[in-house]
N, C-alpha and C. Protein backbone atom coordinates (compact mmCIF):
# COMPACT_ATOMS: atom_id res chain seq x y z
N MET A 1 118.37 197.07 -93.16
CA MET A 1 118.54 195.82 -92.43
C MET A 1 117.48 194.80 -92.78
N GLY A 2 116.45 195.21 -93.53
CA GLY A 2 115.36 194.30 -93.79
C GLY A 2 115.61 193.34 -94.92
N ALA A 3 116.65 193.59 -95.72
CA ALA A 3 116.91 192.74 -96.86
C ALA A 3 117.33 191.35 -96.41
N ARG A 4 116.92 190.35 -97.15
CA ARG A 4 117.25 188.98 -96.77
C ARG A 4 117.95 188.22 -97.89
N ALA A 5 118.41 188.94 -98.91
CA ALA A 5 119.19 188.28 -99.95
C ALA A 5 120.46 187.72 -99.31
N THR A 6 121.02 186.68 -99.93
CA THR A 6 122.17 186.00 -99.34
C THR A 6 123.29 186.95 -98.98
N GLY A 7 123.72 187.75 -99.94
CA GLY A 7 124.81 188.68 -99.67
C GLY A 7 124.45 189.70 -98.63
N ASP A 8 123.21 190.21 -98.68
CA ASP A 8 122.76 191.21 -97.72
C ASP A 8 122.69 190.62 -96.31
N LEU A 9 122.23 189.40 -96.19
CA LEU A 9 122.12 188.78 -94.87
C LEU A 9 123.50 188.57 -94.26
N LYS A 10 124.44 188.12 -95.04
CA LYS A 10 125.80 187.93 -94.51
C LYS A 10 126.37 189.25 -94.02
N ALA A 11 126.17 190.31 -94.80
CA ALA A 11 126.65 191.63 -94.40
C ALA A 11 125.93 192.12 -93.15
N THR A 12 124.63 191.84 -93.07
CA THR A 12 123.85 192.26 -91.91
C THR A 12 124.32 191.53 -90.65
N LEU A 13 124.55 190.24 -90.76
CA LEU A 13 125.05 189.48 -89.63
C LEU A 13 126.41 190.03 -89.15
N LEU A 14 127.26 190.35 -90.12
CA LEU A 14 128.57 190.90 -89.77
C LEU A 14 128.42 192.26 -89.10
N GLU A 15 127.52 193.08 -89.59
CA GLU A 15 127.29 194.40 -88.98
C GLU A 15 126.90 194.26 -87.51
N HIS A 16 126.03 193.32 -87.23
CA HIS A 16 125.61 193.11 -85.85
C HIS A 16 126.77 192.55 -85.01
N GLY A 17 127.56 191.68 -85.60
CA GLY A 17 128.72 191.16 -84.89
C GLY A 17 129.71 192.27 -84.57
N ILE A 18 129.93 193.16 -85.52
CA ILE A 18 130.82 194.31 -85.30
C ILE A 18 130.29 195.20 -84.19
N ALA A 19 128.99 195.42 -84.18
CA ALA A 19 128.37 196.25 -83.14
C ALA A 19 128.58 195.63 -81.76
N LEU A 20 128.40 194.32 -81.66
CA LEU A 20 128.61 193.63 -80.39
C LEU A 20 130.07 193.72 -79.96
N ALA A 21 130.99 193.55 -80.92
CA ALA A 21 132.41 193.64 -80.61
C ALA A 21 132.78 195.04 -80.12
N ARG A 22 132.19 196.04 -80.75
CA ARG A 22 132.45 197.41 -80.31
C ARG A 22 131.97 197.63 -78.86
N GLU A 23 130.88 196.99 -78.53
CA GLU A 23 130.30 197.16 -77.19
C GLU A 23 131.11 196.45 -76.11
N GLY A 24 131.68 195.30 -76.44
CA GLY A 24 132.33 194.54 -75.36
C GLY A 24 133.44 193.61 -75.78
N GLY A 25 134.02 193.80 -76.97
CA GLY A 25 135.11 192.94 -77.39
C GLY A 25 134.66 191.55 -77.75
N PRO A 26 135.59 190.60 -77.86
CA PRO A 26 135.24 189.25 -78.31
C PRO A 26 134.27 188.52 -77.40
N ASP A 27 134.34 188.78 -76.10
CA ASP A 27 133.45 188.09 -75.16
C ASP A 27 131.98 188.46 -75.37
N ALA A 28 131.74 189.60 -75.99
CA ALA A 28 130.37 190.06 -76.20
C ALA A 28 129.76 189.49 -77.48
N VAL A 29 130.56 188.80 -78.28
CA VAL A 29 130.09 188.30 -79.58
C VAL A 29 129.57 186.88 -79.45
N SER A 30 128.33 186.68 -79.84
CA SER A 30 127.78 185.33 -79.92
C SER A 30 126.91 185.24 -81.17
N LEU A 31 126.94 184.08 -81.79
CA LEU A 31 126.16 183.88 -83.01
C LEU A 31 124.66 183.98 -82.71
N ARG A 32 124.28 183.54 -81.52
CA ARG A 32 122.86 183.59 -81.16
C ARG A 32 122.37 185.04 -81.08
N ASP A 33 123.17 185.91 -80.46
CA ASP A 33 122.78 187.32 -80.36
C ASP A 33 122.75 187.98 -81.73
N VAL A 34 123.69 187.60 -82.58
CA VAL A 34 123.75 188.18 -83.93
C VAL A 34 122.51 187.80 -84.72
N GLN A 35 122.16 186.52 -84.70
CA GLN A 35 120.98 186.09 -85.48
C GLN A 35 119.70 186.67 -84.88
N ARG A 36 119.67 186.84 -83.55
CA ARG A 36 118.49 187.44 -82.93
C ARG A 36 118.34 188.90 -83.36
N ARG A 37 119.44 189.64 -83.37
CA ARG A 37 119.40 191.04 -83.79
C ARG A 37 119.01 191.17 -85.25
N ALA A 38 119.44 190.19 -86.05
CA ALA A 38 119.12 190.23 -87.47
C ALA A 38 117.70 189.75 -87.75
N GLY A 39 117.09 189.09 -86.76
CA GLY A 39 115.74 188.61 -86.94
C GLY A 39 115.63 187.41 -87.86
N VAL A 40 116.65 186.54 -87.82
CA VAL A 40 116.63 185.35 -88.67
C VAL A 40 116.84 184.11 -87.80
N SER A 41 116.61 182.95 -88.37
CA SER A 41 116.75 181.70 -87.64
C SER A 41 118.22 181.30 -87.51
N ASN A 42 118.47 180.37 -86.58
CA ASN A 42 119.83 179.84 -86.43
C ASN A 42 120.32 179.23 -87.74
N THR A 43 119.42 178.54 -88.41
CA THR A 43 119.80 177.88 -89.66
C THR A 43 120.27 178.89 -90.69
N ALA A 44 119.55 180.00 -90.81
CA ALA A 44 119.93 181.02 -91.78
C ALA A 44 121.29 181.62 -91.44
N ALA A 45 121.53 181.85 -90.14
CA ALA A 45 122.82 182.43 -89.72
C ALA A 45 123.96 181.46 -89.97
N TYR A 46 123.74 180.18 -89.69
CA TYR A 46 124.80 179.18 -89.85
C TYR A 46 125.18 178.94 -91.31
N ARG A 47 124.33 179.32 -92.22
CA ARG A 47 124.69 179.19 -93.64
C ARG A 47 125.87 180.10 -93.98
N HIS A 48 126.01 181.20 -93.24
CA HIS A 48 127.05 182.18 -93.54
C HIS A 48 128.24 182.10 -92.59
N TYR A 49 127.96 181.78 -91.33
CA TYR A 49 129.02 181.65 -90.33
C TYR A 49 128.79 180.36 -89.58
N ALA A 50 129.67 179.40 -89.83
CA ALA A 50 129.47 178.05 -89.29
C ALA A 50 129.48 178.02 -87.77
N ASP A 51 130.23 178.94 -87.16
CA ASP A 51 130.28 179.01 -85.70
C ASP A 51 130.77 180.39 -85.27
N ARG A 52 130.87 180.57 -83.99
CA ARG A 52 131.29 181.87 -83.44
C ARG A 52 132.70 182.23 -83.91
N ASP A 53 133.58 181.24 -83.98
CA ASP A 53 134.95 181.52 -84.42
C ASP A 53 134.99 182.10 -85.83
N ALA A 54 134.15 181.57 -86.70
CA ALA A 54 134.11 182.08 -88.08
C ALA A 54 133.65 183.53 -88.09
N LEU A 55 132.70 183.86 -87.25
CA LEU A 55 132.23 185.24 -87.16
C LEU A 55 133.32 186.14 -86.59
N LEU A 56 134.04 185.66 -85.58
CA LEU A 56 135.13 186.45 -85.00
C LEU A 56 136.24 186.73 -86.01
N VAL A 57 136.52 185.75 -86.86
CA VAL A 57 137.53 185.96 -87.90
C VAL A 57 137.10 187.07 -88.85
N ALA A 58 135.82 187.07 -89.22
CA ALA A 58 135.30 188.11 -90.11
C ALA A 58 135.35 189.48 -89.44
N ILE A 59 135.02 189.53 -88.14
CA ILE A 59 135.09 190.79 -87.41
C ILE A 59 136.53 191.25 -87.29
N SER A 60 137.43 190.32 -87.05
CA SER A 60 138.85 190.65 -86.94
C SER A 60 139.38 191.23 -88.24
N ALA A 61 138.95 190.67 -89.36
CA ALA A 61 139.37 191.19 -90.67
C ALA A 61 138.88 192.63 -90.84
N TYR A 62 137.64 192.87 -90.47
CA TYR A 62 137.09 194.23 -90.53
C TYR A 62 137.88 195.18 -89.64
N ALA A 63 138.17 194.73 -88.42
CA ALA A 63 138.92 195.57 -87.48
C ALA A 63 140.31 195.88 -88.01
N SER A 64 140.96 194.89 -88.60
CA SER A 64 142.30 195.11 -89.16
C SER A 64 142.26 196.11 -90.31
N ALA A 65 141.23 196.02 -91.13
CA ALA A 65 141.08 196.97 -92.24
C ALA A 65 140.88 198.39 -91.71
N GLN A 66 140.11 198.52 -90.63
CA GLN A 66 139.89 199.83 -90.04
C GLN A 66 141.18 200.37 -89.41
N MET A 67 141.95 199.50 -88.79
CA MET A 67 143.23 199.93 -88.24
C MET A 67 144.17 200.36 -89.35
N ALA A 68 144.19 199.61 -90.44
CA ALA A 68 145.02 199.98 -91.59
C ALA A 68 144.61 201.35 -92.14
N ALA A 69 143.30 201.60 -92.18
CA ALA A 69 142.81 202.90 -92.66
C ALA A 69 143.28 204.03 -91.74
N THR A 70 143.28 203.78 -90.43
CA THR A 70 143.78 204.77 -89.48
C THR A 70 145.26 205.04 -89.74
N MET A 71 146.02 203.98 -89.96
CA MET A 71 147.45 204.13 -90.26
C MET A 71 147.65 204.92 -91.54
N GLU A 72 146.86 204.61 -92.56
CA GLU A 72 147.00 205.30 -93.84
C GLU A 72 146.74 206.80 -93.70
N ARG A 73 145.78 207.16 -92.87
CA ARG A 73 145.48 208.59 -92.66
C ARG A 73 146.67 209.30 -92.01
N LEU A 74 147.23 208.67 -90.98
CA LEU A 74 148.36 209.31 -90.30
C LEU A 74 149.62 209.29 -91.16
N LEU A 75 149.77 208.27 -91.99
CA LEU A 75 150.90 208.24 -92.91
C LEU A 75 150.79 209.37 -93.93
N ALA A 76 149.58 209.63 -94.40
CA ALA A 76 149.36 210.74 -95.33
C ALA A 76 149.68 212.07 -94.67
N ASP A 77 149.32 212.21 -93.40
CA ASP A 77 149.66 213.43 -92.66
C ASP A 77 151.16 213.59 -92.55
N ALA A 78 151.86 212.48 -92.29
CA ALA A 78 153.32 212.53 -92.18
C ALA A 78 153.95 212.93 -93.51
N ASP A 79 153.42 212.40 -94.60
CA ASP A 79 153.92 212.76 -95.92
C ASP A 79 153.74 214.25 -96.19
N ALA A 80 152.63 214.79 -95.73
CA ALA A 80 152.32 216.20 -96.00
C ALA A 80 153.24 217.15 -95.25
N THR A 81 153.84 216.67 -94.16
CA THR A 81 154.73 217.54 -93.39
C THR A 81 156.16 217.54 -93.91
N GLU A 82 156.51 216.55 -94.71
CA GLU A 82 157.88 216.44 -95.22
C GLU A 82 157.84 216.23 -96.73
N LEU A 83 157.84 217.34 -97.47
CA LEU A 83 157.67 217.26 -98.92
C LEU A 83 158.98 217.38 -99.68
N GLY A 84 160.08 217.69 -99.00
CA GLY A 84 161.35 217.90 -99.69
C GLY A 84 161.91 216.64 -100.32
N ARG A 85 162.84 216.82 -101.24
CA ARG A 85 163.45 215.69 -101.94
C ARG A 85 164.90 215.48 -101.55
N THR A 86 165.41 216.28 -100.64
CA THR A 86 166.79 216.11 -100.20
C THR A 86 166.91 214.84 -99.36
N GLN A 87 168.15 214.39 -99.17
CA GLN A 87 168.36 213.21 -98.34
C GLN A 87 167.89 213.44 -96.92
N ALA A 88 168.12 214.65 -96.42
CA ALA A 88 167.68 214.97 -95.06
C ALA A 88 166.16 214.90 -94.96
N ALA A 89 165.47 215.40 -95.99
CA ALA A 89 164.00 215.37 -95.98
C ALA A 89 163.49 213.93 -96.07
N ARG A 90 164.17 213.12 -96.86
CA ARG A 90 163.77 211.70 -96.97
C ARG A 90 163.93 211.00 -95.63
N ARG A 91 164.98 211.32 -94.92
CA ARG A 91 165.20 210.72 -93.60
C ARG A 91 164.11 211.15 -92.62
N ARG A 92 163.80 212.44 -92.63
CA ARG A 92 162.76 212.94 -91.73
C ARG A 92 161.40 212.32 -92.06
N ARG A 93 161.14 212.20 -93.37
CA ARG A 93 159.85 211.63 -93.79
C ARG A 93 159.76 210.15 -93.39
N ALA A 94 160.83 209.42 -93.55
CA ALA A 94 160.83 208.00 -93.17
C ALA A 94 160.59 207.84 -91.67
N ARG A 95 161.23 208.70 -90.89
CA ARG A 95 161.04 208.64 -89.44
C ARG A 95 159.61 209.03 -89.06
N ALA A 96 159.09 210.05 -89.72
CA ALA A 96 157.73 210.50 -89.42
C ALA A 96 156.72 209.42 -89.77
N ARG A 97 156.93 208.72 -90.88
CA ARG A 97 156.00 207.67 -91.29
C ARG A 97 156.07 206.48 -90.33
N PHE A 98 157.26 206.13 -89.91
CA PHE A 98 157.44 205.04 -88.95
C PHE A 98 156.73 205.38 -87.64
N ARG A 99 156.91 206.60 -87.18
CA ARG A 99 156.25 207.03 -85.95
C ARG A 99 154.73 207.01 -86.11
N ALA A 100 154.26 207.38 -87.29
CA ALA A 100 152.81 207.43 -87.55
C ALA A 100 152.16 206.06 -87.39
N THR A 101 152.87 204.99 -87.74
CA THR A 101 152.26 203.66 -87.60
C THR A 101 152.00 203.35 -86.13
N GLY A 102 152.95 203.72 -85.26
CA GLY A 102 152.76 203.48 -83.83
C GLY A 102 151.67 204.35 -83.25
N ALA A 103 151.64 205.62 -83.66
CA ALA A 103 150.61 206.53 -83.17
C ALA A 103 149.23 206.05 -83.61
N ALA A 104 149.12 205.57 -84.84
CA ALA A 104 147.84 205.10 -85.36
C ALA A 104 147.39 203.84 -84.62
N TYR A 105 148.31 202.95 -84.34
CA TYR A 105 148.00 201.72 -83.62
C TYR A 105 147.40 202.05 -82.26
N LEU A 106 148.05 202.95 -81.54
CA LEU A 106 147.57 203.33 -80.21
C LEU A 106 146.29 204.14 -80.29
N ASP A 107 146.15 204.95 -81.33
CA ASP A 107 144.92 205.72 -81.50
C ASP A 107 143.74 204.81 -81.77
N PHE A 108 143.95 203.79 -82.59
CA PHE A 108 142.88 202.84 -82.87
C PHE A 108 142.49 202.08 -81.61
N ALA A 109 143.48 201.67 -80.83
CA ALA A 109 143.19 200.96 -79.58
C ALA A 109 142.39 201.84 -78.63
N ARG A 110 142.68 203.13 -78.63
CA ARG A 110 141.99 204.06 -77.73
C ARG A 110 140.56 204.32 -78.19
N THR A 111 140.36 204.49 -79.50
CA THR A 111 139.04 204.88 -80.01
C THR A 111 138.14 203.69 -80.31
N GLU A 112 138.74 202.53 -80.57
CA GLU A 112 137.97 201.32 -80.88
C GLU A 112 138.47 200.14 -80.04
N PRO A 113 138.37 200.25 -78.73
CA PRO A 113 138.93 199.19 -77.88
C PRO A 113 138.33 197.80 -78.13
N GLY A 114 137.02 197.74 -78.38
CA GLY A 114 136.40 196.44 -78.63
C GLY A 114 136.93 195.79 -79.90
N LEU A 115 136.97 196.55 -80.98
CA LEU A 115 137.48 196.02 -82.25
C LEU A 115 138.96 195.70 -82.15
N PHE A 116 139.72 196.55 -81.47
CA PHE A 116 141.15 196.28 -81.29
C PHE A 116 141.36 194.95 -80.60
N THR A 117 140.59 194.69 -79.56
CA THR A 117 140.74 193.45 -78.81
C THR A 117 140.40 192.24 -79.67
N VAL A 118 139.39 192.36 -80.52
CA VAL A 118 139.06 191.25 -81.42
C VAL A 118 140.18 191.04 -82.43
N ALA A 119 140.72 192.13 -82.97
CA ALA A 119 141.78 192.02 -83.97
C ALA A 119 143.01 191.32 -83.40
N MET A 120 143.26 191.51 -82.11
CA MET A 120 144.46 190.94 -81.48
C MET A 120 144.15 189.70 -80.65
N HIS A 121 142.90 189.22 -80.72
CA HIS A 121 142.51 188.08 -79.90
C HIS A 121 143.31 186.83 -80.30
N PRO A 122 143.90 186.13 -79.31
CA PRO A 122 144.75 184.97 -79.64
C PRO A 122 144.00 183.83 -80.32
N GLY A 123 142.68 183.78 -80.15
CA GLY A 123 141.91 182.71 -80.77
C GLY A 123 141.56 182.95 -82.21
N VAL A 124 141.84 184.16 -82.71
CA VAL A 124 141.51 184.49 -84.10
C VAL A 124 142.75 184.29 -84.96
N GLN A 125 142.68 183.36 -85.88
CA GLN A 125 143.81 183.08 -86.76
C GLN A 125 143.69 183.91 -88.04
N LEU A 126 144.38 185.05 -88.04
CA LEU A 126 144.37 185.92 -89.21
C LEU A 126 145.82 186.25 -89.54
N ASP A 127 146.27 185.85 -90.71
CA ASP A 127 147.66 186.02 -91.10
C ASP A 127 148.02 187.49 -91.12
N LYS A 128 148.97 187.90 -90.27
CA LYS A 128 149.38 189.30 -90.22
C LYS A 128 150.37 189.63 -91.33
N LEU A 129 151.09 188.63 -91.81
CA LEU A 129 152.05 188.88 -92.88
C LEU A 129 151.36 188.99 -94.23
N HIS A 130 150.38 188.14 -94.46
CA HIS A 130 149.65 188.17 -95.73
C HIS A 130 148.16 188.07 -95.43
N PRO A 131 147.59 189.13 -94.88
CA PRO A 131 146.17 189.09 -94.48
C PRO A 131 145.24 189.02 -95.68
N PRO A 132 144.03 188.51 -95.48
CA PRO A 132 143.06 188.49 -96.57
C PRO A 132 142.73 189.91 -97.01
N VAL A 133 142.20 190.03 -98.21
CA VAL A 133 141.94 191.34 -98.80
C VAL A 133 141.05 192.20 -97.90
N ASP A 134 140.06 191.58 -97.26
CA ASP A 134 139.13 192.37 -96.45
C ASP A 134 139.73 192.78 -95.11
N ALA A 135 141.01 192.45 -94.87
CA ALA A 135 141.70 192.88 -93.65
C ALA A 135 142.74 193.95 -93.96
N ARG A 136 142.67 194.52 -95.17
CA ARG A 136 143.66 195.51 -95.60
C ARG A 136 143.02 196.88 -95.79
N GLY A 137 143.88 197.89 -95.83
CA GLY A 137 143.41 199.24 -96.08
C GLY A 137 143.22 199.49 -97.56
N ALA A 138 142.90 200.74 -97.90
CA ALA A 138 142.65 201.09 -99.30
C ALA A 138 143.87 200.89 -100.17
N GLY A 139 145.05 200.99 -99.58
CA GLY A 139 146.28 200.82 -100.34
C GLY A 139 146.68 199.38 -100.55
N GLY A 140 145.90 198.43 -100.03
CA GLY A 140 146.17 197.02 -100.26
C GLY A 140 147.08 196.36 -99.23
N LEU A 141 147.39 197.07 -98.14
CA LEU A 141 148.25 196.50 -97.11
C LEU A 141 147.51 196.46 -95.77
N GLY A 142 147.81 195.42 -94.99
CA GLY A 142 147.27 195.32 -93.64
C GLY A 142 148.14 196.12 -92.68
N PRO A 143 147.74 196.23 -91.41
CA PRO A 143 148.50 197.02 -90.44
C PRO A 143 149.96 196.59 -90.31
N TYR A 144 150.19 195.30 -90.16
CA TYR A 144 151.57 194.86 -89.99
C TYR A 144 152.38 195.07 -91.27
N GLN A 145 151.76 194.87 -92.41
CA GLN A 145 152.44 195.11 -93.68
C GLN A 145 152.85 196.58 -93.81
N LEU A 146 151.99 197.48 -93.35
CA LEU A 146 152.32 198.90 -93.39
C LEU A 146 153.51 199.20 -92.51
N LEU A 147 153.55 198.59 -91.32
CA LEU A 147 154.70 198.77 -90.44
C LEU A 147 155.98 198.26 -91.10
N VAL A 148 155.92 197.07 -91.68
CA VAL A 148 157.09 196.50 -92.34
C VAL A 148 157.58 197.42 -93.47
N ALA A 149 156.64 197.95 -94.24
CA ALA A 149 157.01 198.84 -95.34
C ALA A 149 157.70 200.09 -94.81
N CYS A 150 157.23 200.61 -93.69
CA CYS A 150 157.84 201.81 -93.12
C CYS A 150 159.23 201.53 -92.57
N VAL A 151 159.44 200.35 -92.01
CA VAL A 151 160.78 199.99 -91.55
C VAL A 151 161.72 199.85 -92.76
N ASP A 152 161.23 199.27 -93.83
CA ASP A 152 162.04 199.18 -95.05
C ASP A 152 162.41 200.57 -95.57
N GLU A 153 161.48 201.52 -95.45
CA GLU A 153 161.76 202.89 -95.86
C GLU A 153 162.88 203.52 -95.02
N LEU A 154 162.92 203.16 -93.74
CA LEU A 154 163.99 203.65 -92.88
C LEU A 154 165.35 203.21 -93.39
N VAL A 155 165.42 201.97 -93.85
CA VAL A 155 166.67 201.45 -94.40
C VAL A 155 167.01 202.17 -95.71
N GLU A 156 166.02 202.31 -96.57
CA GLU A 156 166.24 202.95 -97.88
C GLU A 156 166.67 204.40 -97.72
N ALA A 157 166.18 205.07 -96.68
CA ALA A 157 166.51 206.48 -96.48
C ALA A 157 167.83 206.65 -95.72
N GLY A 158 168.41 205.56 -95.29
CA GLY A 158 169.68 205.65 -94.57
C GLY A 158 169.54 205.94 -93.09
N VAL A 159 168.32 205.82 -92.55
CA VAL A 159 168.10 206.04 -91.11
C VAL A 159 168.53 204.81 -90.32
N LEU A 160 168.23 203.66 -90.86
CA LEU A 160 168.50 202.40 -90.18
C LEU A 160 169.42 201.56 -91.06
N SER A 161 170.49 201.05 -90.47
CA SER A 161 171.42 200.24 -91.26
C SER A 161 170.79 198.88 -91.56
N PRO A 162 171.14 198.27 -92.70
CA PRO A 162 170.58 196.96 -93.03
C PRO A 162 170.85 195.91 -91.96
N GLU A 163 171.99 196.04 -91.27
CA GLU A 163 172.34 195.06 -90.24
C GLU A 163 171.39 195.11 -89.05
N ARG A 164 170.79 196.28 -88.83
CA ARG A 164 169.89 196.44 -87.69
C ARG A 164 168.42 196.28 -88.09
N ARG A 165 168.18 195.98 -89.36
CA ARG A 165 166.81 195.84 -89.85
C ARG A 165 166.05 194.67 -89.24
N PRO A 166 166.65 193.48 -89.09
CA PRO A 166 165.87 192.33 -88.62
C PRO A 166 165.17 192.58 -87.28
N PHE A 167 163.89 192.29 -87.25
CA PHE A 167 163.04 192.35 -86.06
C PHE A 167 162.80 193.76 -85.52
N THR A 168 163.19 194.78 -86.27
CA THR A 168 162.85 196.13 -85.85
C THR A 168 161.34 196.32 -85.83
N ASP A 169 160.65 195.75 -86.84
CA ASP A 169 159.19 195.86 -86.89
C ASP A 169 158.55 195.13 -85.70
N VAL A 170 159.08 193.95 -85.38
CA VAL A 170 158.54 193.18 -84.26
C VAL A 170 158.75 193.92 -82.94
N ALA A 171 159.93 194.50 -82.76
CA ALA A 171 160.22 195.23 -81.52
C ALA A 171 159.30 196.44 -81.38
N ALA A 172 159.11 197.19 -82.47
CA ALA A 172 158.24 198.36 -82.42
C ALA A 172 156.80 197.96 -82.16
N TRP A 173 156.34 196.92 -82.82
CA TRP A 173 154.97 196.43 -82.62
C TRP A 173 154.77 196.00 -81.18
N SER A 174 155.75 195.27 -80.63
CA SER A 174 155.65 194.80 -79.26
C SER A 174 155.53 195.96 -78.28
N ALA A 175 156.29 197.02 -78.52
CA ALA A 175 156.28 198.16 -77.61
C ALA A 175 154.93 198.87 -77.61
N VAL A 176 154.40 199.18 -78.79
CA VAL A 176 153.13 199.90 -78.83
C VAL A 176 151.98 199.02 -78.37
N HIS A 177 152.07 197.73 -78.68
CA HIS A 177 151.01 196.82 -78.23
C HIS A 177 151.02 196.71 -76.71
N GLY A 178 152.20 196.68 -76.13
CA GLY A 178 152.30 196.61 -74.68
C GLY A 178 151.64 197.80 -74.01
N LEU A 179 151.89 199.00 -74.53
CA LEU A 179 151.26 200.18 -73.95
C LEU A 179 149.75 200.14 -74.16
N ALA A 180 149.32 199.70 -75.34
CA ALA A 180 147.88 199.62 -75.60
C ALA A 180 147.19 198.70 -74.60
N VAL A 181 147.77 197.56 -74.33
CA VAL A 181 147.18 196.60 -73.40
C VAL A 181 147.19 197.14 -71.97
N LEU A 182 148.28 197.80 -71.59
CA LEU A 182 148.36 198.37 -70.24
C LEU A 182 147.29 199.43 -70.02
N ILE A 183 146.97 200.17 -71.09
CA ILE A 183 145.95 201.19 -70.98
C ILE A 183 144.54 200.59 -71.02
N LEU A 184 144.34 199.62 -71.91
CA LEU A 184 143.00 199.05 -72.06
C LEU A 184 142.63 198.09 -70.93
N ASP A 185 143.56 197.24 -70.54
CA ASP A 185 143.24 196.17 -69.59
C ASP A 185 144.16 196.11 -68.38
N GLY A 186 145.06 197.07 -68.25
CA GLY A 186 146.03 197.01 -67.17
C GLY A 186 145.99 198.21 -66.25
N PRO A 187 147.04 198.38 -65.45
CA PRO A 187 147.07 199.44 -64.43
C PRO A 187 147.11 200.85 -64.99
N LEU A 188 147.40 201.01 -66.27
CA LEU A 188 147.42 202.36 -66.84
C LEU A 188 146.04 202.81 -67.31
N GLY A 189 145.05 201.97 -67.09
CA GLY A 189 143.69 202.33 -67.48
C GLY A 189 143.15 203.54 -66.74
N ALA A 190 143.76 203.84 -65.60
CA ALA A 190 143.29 204.98 -64.81
C ALA A 190 143.86 206.31 -65.30
N LEU A 191 144.79 206.26 -66.25
CA LEU A 191 145.37 207.50 -66.76
C LEU A 191 144.32 208.35 -67.46
N GLY A 192 144.39 209.64 -67.27
CA GLY A 192 143.52 210.55 -68.00
C GLY A 192 144.01 210.72 -69.42
N GLU A 193 143.23 211.40 -70.24
CA GLU A 193 143.56 211.55 -71.65
C GLU A 193 144.89 212.27 -71.84
N VAL A 194 145.14 213.32 -71.07
CA VAL A 194 146.38 214.07 -71.21
C VAL A 194 147.58 213.19 -70.91
N ASP A 195 147.50 212.40 -69.84
CA ASP A 195 148.61 211.52 -69.48
C ASP A 195 148.78 210.38 -70.48
N ARG A 196 147.67 209.91 -71.05
CA ARG A 196 147.78 208.87 -72.08
C ARG A 196 148.53 209.40 -73.28
N ARG A 197 148.21 210.61 -73.69
CA ARG A 197 148.90 211.23 -74.82
C ARG A 197 150.38 211.41 -74.51
N ALA A 198 150.67 211.83 -73.27
CA ALA A 198 152.06 212.04 -72.88
C ALA A 198 152.82 210.72 -72.88
N ALA A 199 152.19 209.66 -72.37
CA ALA A 199 152.83 208.34 -72.35
C ALA A 199 153.08 207.84 -73.77
N THR A 200 152.10 208.07 -74.65
CA THR A 200 152.24 207.67 -76.05
C THR A 200 153.40 208.40 -76.70
N ASP A 201 153.45 209.71 -76.52
CA ASP A 201 154.53 210.50 -77.12
C ASP A 201 155.89 210.06 -76.60
N ARG A 202 155.97 209.78 -75.29
CA ARG A 202 157.25 209.36 -74.72
C ARG A 202 157.68 208.02 -75.27
N LEU A 203 156.75 207.09 -75.40
CA LEU A 203 157.09 205.79 -75.96
C LEU A 203 157.57 205.93 -77.40
N LEU A 204 156.87 206.72 -78.20
CA LEU A 204 157.26 206.90 -79.60
C LEU A 204 158.60 207.60 -79.70
N ASP A 205 158.89 208.52 -78.76
CA ASP A 205 160.21 209.15 -78.72
C ASP A 205 161.31 208.12 -78.47
N LEU A 206 161.05 207.22 -77.53
CA LEU A 206 162.03 206.19 -77.20
C LEU A 206 162.27 205.25 -78.38
N ILE A 207 161.18 204.88 -79.06
CA ILE A 207 161.33 204.00 -80.22
C ILE A 207 162.13 204.71 -81.31
N ASP A 208 161.80 205.98 -81.55
CA ASP A 208 162.53 206.75 -82.57
C ASP A 208 164.00 206.88 -82.19
N GLY A 209 164.27 207.14 -80.91
CA GLY A 209 165.65 207.27 -80.47
C GLY A 209 166.43 205.99 -80.65
N GLY A 210 165.78 204.86 -80.58
CA GLY A 210 166.45 203.60 -80.75
C GLY A 210 166.91 203.31 -82.18
N LEU A 211 166.47 204.15 -83.11
CA LEU A 211 166.88 203.97 -84.51
C LEU A 211 168.32 204.42 -84.73
N ASP A 212 168.78 205.35 -83.90
CA ASP A 212 170.12 205.94 -84.10
C ASP A 212 171.23 205.02 -83.61
């Protein structure tokens, strides 16, 4: 953290911003606290982040990349469970991958609530359809792009008819996001871990059932 080279300082400021976001979401992030933690002047901090909004955008990109990485891990697990090449195996694999995106979304919200809230904050303008490179996973896709790709796979595997393809990704995203918000900031926050898992599984079952 002691380095003060331009690139190092920008990364250091972002690290502190991420730490603040993890602690308390977007409301906990301030440029003044970030520069204080980094031990630099306001002027030095403003050279890299013109204002709090610019810092929040950078944190949101990081959070989206981490969410994409979570999705990629669960997608890999889904692939490992369905290795066959038959049409039936392709259908099962497509369904498993689609379900994995929802499970990963909710898992990220549960394990990284502060970062999740920043990533979904209405004041952060981050293109979900074509996110910047630093908001994507190792495979080059952001969270929403991964969901879209999995819905396309459902069509290719014959699980979902082309006529029913439009807005399937939006409907699925809305459902899992709704549960995430109810758990993080709503009346379902009192649920214990076992009940949260049960609610997640039931929601994903309902979404999967809606494909037929």
